[in-house]
N, C-alpha and C. Protein backbone atom coordinates (compact mmCIF):
# COMPACT_ATOMS: atom_id res chain seq x y z
N UNK A 1 192.29 171.36 132.63
CA UNK A 1 193.16 171.91 131.66
C UNK A 1 193.77 172.85 132.65
N UNK A 2 195.33 173.11 132.51
CA UNK A 2 195.81 174.23 133.20
C UNK A 2 196.59 175.17 132.23
N UNK A 3 196.59 176.48 132.81
CA UNK A 3 197.19 177.44 131.66
C UNK A 3 198.68 177.90 132.69
N UNK A 4 199.43 178.31 131.63
CA UNK A 4 200.44 178.84 132.49
C UNK A 4 200.03 180.29 132.97
N UNK A 5 200.91 180.59 134.36
CA UNK A 5 200.43 181.60 134.94
C UNK A 5 200.74 182.96 134.07
N UNK A 6 202.01 182.72 133.49
CA UNK A 6 202.31 184.12 132.53
C UNK A 6 201.34 184.43 131.50
N UNK A 7 200.26 183.29 131.14
CA UNK A 7 199.78 183.68 129.95
C UNK A 7 198.11 184.02 130.48
N UNK A 8 198.26 184.08 131.84
CA UNK A 8 196.81 184.54 132.20
C UNK A 8 196.79 185.87 133.15
N UNK A 9 196.08 186.90 133.02
CA UNK A 9 196.12 188.01 133.48
C UNK A 9 195.17 187.82 135.05
N UNK A 10 195.60 188.07 136.28
CA UNK A 10 194.50 188.12 137.20
C UNK A 10 193.86 189.18 137.20
N UNK A 11 192.45 189.24 138.00
CA UNK A 11 191.76 190.68 137.90
C UNK A 11 192.70 191.54 138.83
N UNK A 12 193.42 191.41 139.27
CA UNK A 12 194.27 192.39 140.05
C UNK A 12 195.14 193.05 139.05
N UNK A 13 195.25 192.85 138.14
CA UNK A 13 196.33 193.43 137.31
C UNK A 13 195.40 194.20 135.97
N UNK A 14 195.04 195.41 136.25
CA UNK A 14 194.14 195.95 135.24
C UNK A 14 195.37 196.60 133.97
N UNK A 15 194.67 196.47 132.89
CA UNK A 15 195.66 196.66 131.77
C UNK A 15 195.45 198.16 131.53
N UNK A 16 196.54 198.80 131.10
CA UNK A 16 196.73 199.81 130.89
C UNK A 16 196.25 200.59 129.77
N UNK A 17 194.75 201.29 130.12
CA UNK A 17 194.10 201.54 128.97
C UNK A 17 194.61 202.69 128.17
N UNK A 18 195.14 203.59 128.52
CA UNK A 18 195.87 204.69 127.60
C UNK A 18 197.20 204.05 126.81
N UNK A 19 197.50 203.01 126.95
CA UNK A 19 198.65 202.26 126.19
C UNK A 19 197.65 201.67 125.09
N UNK A 20 196.61 201.08 125.31
CA UNK A 20 195.95 200.26 124.04
C UNK A 20 195.32 201.51 123.32
N UNK A 21 194.72 202.37 124.14
CA UNK A 21 194.17 203.53 123.00
C UNK A 21 195.18 204.14 121.90
N UNK A 22 196.15 204.40 122.73
CA UNK A 22 197.55 205.13 121.78
C UNK A 22 197.81 203.77 120.60
N UNK A 23 197.95 202.80 121.00
CA UNK A 23 198.24 201.45 120.21
C UNK A 23 197.16 201.67 119.14
N UNK A 24 195.73 201.58 119.33
CA UNK A 24 194.98 201.37 118.24
C UNK A 24 195.05 202.60 117.69
N UNK A 25 194.95 203.80 117.85
CA UNK A 25 195.18 205.22 117.11
C UNK A 25 195.79 205.13 116.18
N UNK A 26 197.51 204.52 116.66
CA UNK A 26 198.77 204.64 115.68
C UNK A 26 198.26 203.70 114.74
N UNK A 27 197.52 202.34 115.05
CA UNK A 27 197.36 201.39 113.95
C UNK A 27 196.29 201.98 112.88
N UNK A 28 195.21 202.70 113.32
CA UNK A 28 194.35 203.19 112.56
C UNK A 28 194.82 204.48 111.62
N UNK A 29 195.96 204.90 112.23
CA UNK A 29 196.57 206.23 111.32
C UNK A 29 195.72 207.55 111.69
N UNK A 30 195.34 207.65 112.79
CA UNK A 30 194.50 208.64 113.31
C UNK A 30 195.61 209.92 113.52
N UNK A 31 195.56 210.96 112.94
CA UNK A 31 196.42 212.16 113.20
C UNK A 31 195.50 213.18 114.05
N UNK A 32 195.85 213.26 115.52
CA UNK A 32 195.00 214.21 116.06
C UNK A 32 195.87 215.32 116.31
N UNK A 33 196.75 215.79 115.59
CA UNK A 33 197.38 217.13 115.61
C UNK A 33 196.40 217.67 114.78
N UNK A 34 195.62 217.05 113.60
CA UNK A 34 194.49 217.96 112.85
C UNK A 34 193.74 218.97 113.84
N UNK A 35 193.28 219.78 113.42
CA UNK A 35 192.36 220.65 114.46
C UNK A 35 190.96 220.11 114.43
N UNK A 36 190.39 219.81 113.39
CA UNK A 36 189.24 219.56 113.34
C UNK A 36 189.34 217.99 114.28
N UNK A 37 189.96 217.38 114.11
CA UNK A 37 189.89 216.03 115.01
C UNK A 37 190.13 216.73 116.38
N UNK A 38 191.10 217.47 116.86
CA UNK A 38 191.09 217.78 118.28
C UNK A 38 189.79 218.56 118.46
N UNK A 39 189.25 219.35 117.67
CA UNK A 39 187.88 220.25 118.25
C UNK A 39 186.74 218.67 118.50
N UNK A 40 186.76 217.72 117.68
CA UNK A 40 185.72 216.50 118.26
C UNK A 40 186.27 215.81 119.20
N UNK A 41 187.60 215.57 119.33
CA UNK A 41 187.91 214.82 120.43
C UNK A 41 188.11 215.46 121.91
N UNK A 42 188.20 216.79 121.73
CA UNK A 42 188.14 217.49 122.97
C UNK A 42 186.86 218.54 123.08
N UNK A 43 185.89 218.28 122.69
CA UNK A 43 184.66 218.84 122.74
C UNK A 43 184.26 219.17 124.35
N UNK A 44 184.21 218.39 125.23
CA UNK A 44 183.55 218.47 126.53
C UNK A 44 184.57 219.56 127.30
N UNK A 45 185.99 219.51 126.83
CA UNK A 45 186.80 220.37 127.57
C UNK A 45 187.06 221.57 126.67
N UNK A 46 185.98 222.23 125.82
CA UNK A 46 186.22 223.31 125.28
C UNK A 46 186.01 224.48 126.24
N UNK A 47 185.29 224.35 127.18
CA UNK A 47 184.89 225.41 128.23
C UNK A 47 183.45 225.82 127.86
N UNK A 48 182.72 224.74 127.90
CA UNK A 48 180.87 225.05 127.43
C UNK A 48 180.43 224.73 128.81
N UNK A 49 181.22 224.10 129.62
CA UNK A 49 180.57 223.77 130.87
C UNK A 49 179.41 222.61 130.50
N UNK A 50 177.87 222.64 131.33
CA UNK A 50 177.17 221.49 131.24
C UNK A 50 176.72 221.38 129.76
N UNK A 51 176.40 222.56 129.27
CA UNK A 51 176.10 222.38 127.83
C UNK A 51 177.35 221.42 126.97
N UNK A 52 178.20 221.68 126.99
CA UNK A 52 179.15 220.44 126.31
C UNK A 52 179.01 219.02 126.68
N UNK A 53 178.44 218.68 127.62
CA UNK A 53 178.25 217.39 128.26
C UNK A 53 177.00 216.76 127.50
N UNK A 54 176.23 217.86 127.06
CA UNK A 54 174.82 217.52 126.55
C UNK A 54 174.96 217.38 125.08
N UNK A 55 175.80 217.95 124.44
CA UNK A 55 176.05 218.25 122.99
C UNK A 55 177.34 217.57 122.54
N UNK A 56 177.06 217.04 121.18
CA UNK A 56 178.31 216.66 120.64
C UNK A 56 178.52 217.11 118.98
N UNK A 57 179.75 217.37 118.74
CA UNK A 57 179.99 218.00 117.16
C UNK A 57 179.82 216.56 116.17
N UNK A 58 178.99 216.82 115.34
CA UNK A 58 178.83 215.50 114.45
C UNK A 58 179.54 215.70 113.14
N UNK A 59 179.48 216.99 112.53
CA UNK A 59 180.17 217.12 111.31
C UNK A 59 180.61 218.91 111.11
N UNK A 60 182.21 218.82 110.43
CA UNK A 60 182.45 220.40 110.16
C UNK A 60 182.58 220.33 108.61
N UNK A 61 181.69 221.15 107.80
CA UNK A 61 181.73 221.21 106.51
C UNK A 61 181.34 222.64 105.84
N UNK A 62 182.11 223.00 105.24
CA UNK A 62 181.99 224.34 104.47
C UNK A 62 181.58 225.25 105.37
N UNK A 63 182.32 225.24 106.51
CA UNK A 63 182.27 226.41 107.26
C UNK A 63 180.90 226.07 108.50
N UNK A 64 180.30 225.22 108.43
CA UNK A 64 179.06 224.94 109.07
C UNK A 64 179.52 223.61 110.00
N UNK A 65 179.48 223.92 111.49
CA UNK A 65 179.47 222.90 112.43
C UNK A 65 178.43 222.25 112.90
N UNK A 66 177.91 220.97 112.89
CA UNK A 66 176.80 220.56 113.01
C UNK A 66 176.72 219.91 114.47
N UNK A 67 175.92 220.31 115.18
CA UNK A 67 175.83 219.78 116.28
C UNK A 67 174.54 219.22 116.95
N UNK A 68 174.75 217.90 117.59
CA UNK A 68 173.62 217.09 118.07
C UNK A 68 173.56 217.35 119.52
N UNK A 69 172.19 217.71 120.09
CA UNK A 69 172.06 217.83 121.50
C UNK A 69 171.11 216.72 121.82
N UNK A 70 171.35 216.19 123.30
CA UNK A 70 170.54 215.00 123.91
C UNK A 70 169.17 215.54 123.79
N UNK A 71 168.33 216.65 123.91
CA UNK A 71 167.19 216.86 123.80
C UNK A 71 166.69 218.36 123.22
N UNK A 72 165.58 218.73 122.91
CA UNK A 72 164.89 220.02 122.73
C UNK A 72 165.20 220.99 123.57
N UNK A 73 165.35 220.75 124.94
CA UNK A 73 165.86 222.12 125.95
C UNK A 73 167.30 222.26 125.77
N UNK A 74 168.17 221.03 125.60
CA UNK A 74 169.55 221.52 125.45
C UNK A 74 170.15 222.13 124.10
N UNK A 75 169.03 221.82 122.83
CA UNK A 75 169.24 222.63 121.60
C UNK A 75 168.84 223.84 121.96
N UNK A 76 167.62 224.19 122.43
CA UNK A 76 167.33 225.97 122.94
C UNK A 76 168.28 226.32 123.32
N UNK A 77 168.85 225.74 124.59
CA UNK A 77 169.93 226.62 125.18
C UNK A 77 171.23 226.93 124.30
N UNK A 78 171.48 225.68 123.75
CA UNK A 78 172.61 225.98 122.74
C UNK A 78 172.58 227.14 121.52
N UNK A 79 171.29 227.00 121.30
CA UNK A 79 170.96 228.18 120.35
C UNK A 79 171.55 229.56 120.80
N UNK A 80 171.26 229.54 122.13
CA UNK A 80 171.59 231.01 122.69
C UNK A 80 173.00 231.11 122.77
N UNK A 81 173.94 230.17 122.73
CA UNK A 81 175.39 230.30 123.20
C UNK A 81 176.05 229.96 121.69
N UNK A 82 175.29 229.96 120.93
CA UNK A 82 176.04 229.45 119.50
C UNK A 82 177.44 230.66 118.93
N UNK A 83 176.88 232.14 119.50
CA UNK A 83 177.92 232.95 119.05
C UNK A 83 179.11 232.83 119.90
N UNK A 84 179.18 232.59 121.04
CA UNK A 84 180.23 232.23 122.05
C UNK A 84 180.61 230.79 121.87
N UNK A 85 180.29 230.17 121.39
CA UNK A 85 180.57 228.76 120.80
C UNK A 85 181.75 229.09 119.56
N UNK A 86 181.49 229.45 118.69
CA UNK A 86 181.87 230.00 117.60
C UNK A 86 183.13 230.78 117.84
N UNK A 87 183.30 231.74 119.09
CA UNK A 87 184.29 232.42 119.52
C UNK A 87 185.28 231.70 120.00
N UNK A 88 184.79 230.66 121.04
CA UNK A 88 185.71 229.75 121.68
C UNK A 88 186.32 228.86 120.70
N UNK A 89 185.76 228.73 119.61
CA UNK A 89 186.42 227.48 118.69
C UNK A 89 187.29 228.38 117.94
N UNK A 90 187.15 229.82 117.46
CA UNK A 90 188.01 230.56 116.62
C UNK A 90 189.34 230.75 117.72
N UNK A 91 189.18 230.71 119.10
CA UNK A 91 190.35 231.22 119.82
C UNK A 91 190.98 230.13 120.14
N UNK A 92 190.49 228.84 120.33
CA UNK A 92 191.09 227.54 120.38
C UNK A 92 191.86 226.94 119.22
N UNK A 93 191.29 227.11 118.10
CA UNK A 93 191.39 226.66 116.79
C UNK A 93 191.60 227.48 115.81
N UNK A 94 192.48 228.35 115.58
CA UNK A 94 192.37 229.41 114.79
C UNK A 94 192.44 229.08 113.35
N UNK A 95 193.09 227.99 112.92
CA UNK A 95 192.91 227.56 111.75
C UNK A 95 191.68 226.91 111.14
N UNK A 96 190.58 226.93 111.92
CA UNK A 96 189.55 226.07 111.68
C UNK A 96 188.47 227.08 111.32
N UNK A 97 187.54 226.78 110.39
CA UNK A 97 186.70 227.60 109.57
C UNK A 97 185.34 227.38 110.22
N UNK A 98 184.65 228.14 111.10
CA UNK A 98 183.48 228.11 111.29
C UNK A 98 182.80 229.22 111.24
N UNK A 99 181.57 229.24 110.37
CA UNK A 99 180.97 230.32 110.29
C UNK A 99 179.57 230.39 111.06
N UNK A 100 179.12 229.29 110.88
CA UNK A 100 177.69 228.89 111.56
C UNK A 100 177.50 227.65 112.18
N UNK A 101 176.79 227.62 113.16
CA UNK A 101 176.13 225.88 113.59
C UNK A 101 174.96 225.68 113.42
N UNK A 102 174.91 224.58 113.00
CA UNK A 102 173.56 223.47 112.83
C UNK A 102 173.20 223.11 114.01
N UNK A 103 172.24 223.16 114.58
CA UNK A 103 171.80 222.22 116.08
C UNK A 103 170.35 221.73 115.62
N UNK A 104 170.30 220.32 116.30
CA UNK A 104 169.23 219.41 116.11
C UNK A 104 169.34 218.56 117.62
N UNK A 105 168.26 217.88 117.90
CA UNK A 105 168.00 217.39 119.09
C UNK A 105 168.02 215.87 118.55
N UNK A 106 168.71 214.78 119.40
CA UNK A 106 168.32 213.71 119.29
C UNK A 106 166.92 212.97 119.49
N UNK A 107 166.31 213.53 120.41
CA UNK A 107 165.06 213.13 120.53
C UNK A 107 163.82 213.70 119.97
């Protein structure tokens, strides 16, 4: 069975990932201008350093931000940084209300 060359992509022609991501986001109707979504999407770029790579926001409800940590060590480390994290969030996303942070370890 022969395929037309224009229908097949060779391995040397990588797809534009950003195009497909943006297209999917549009189709799903996700609005990343919402500060809550921006916080969740940009978590690792918030300025938390290594802690940001070992934690992830799960939920923001009634002023409580729930954070999941890779393990107990990162949860303990994050516990000492809670005040700093709240300050960073308030400075970057002033319209978000984050009064407290709930932390737990995955394992």
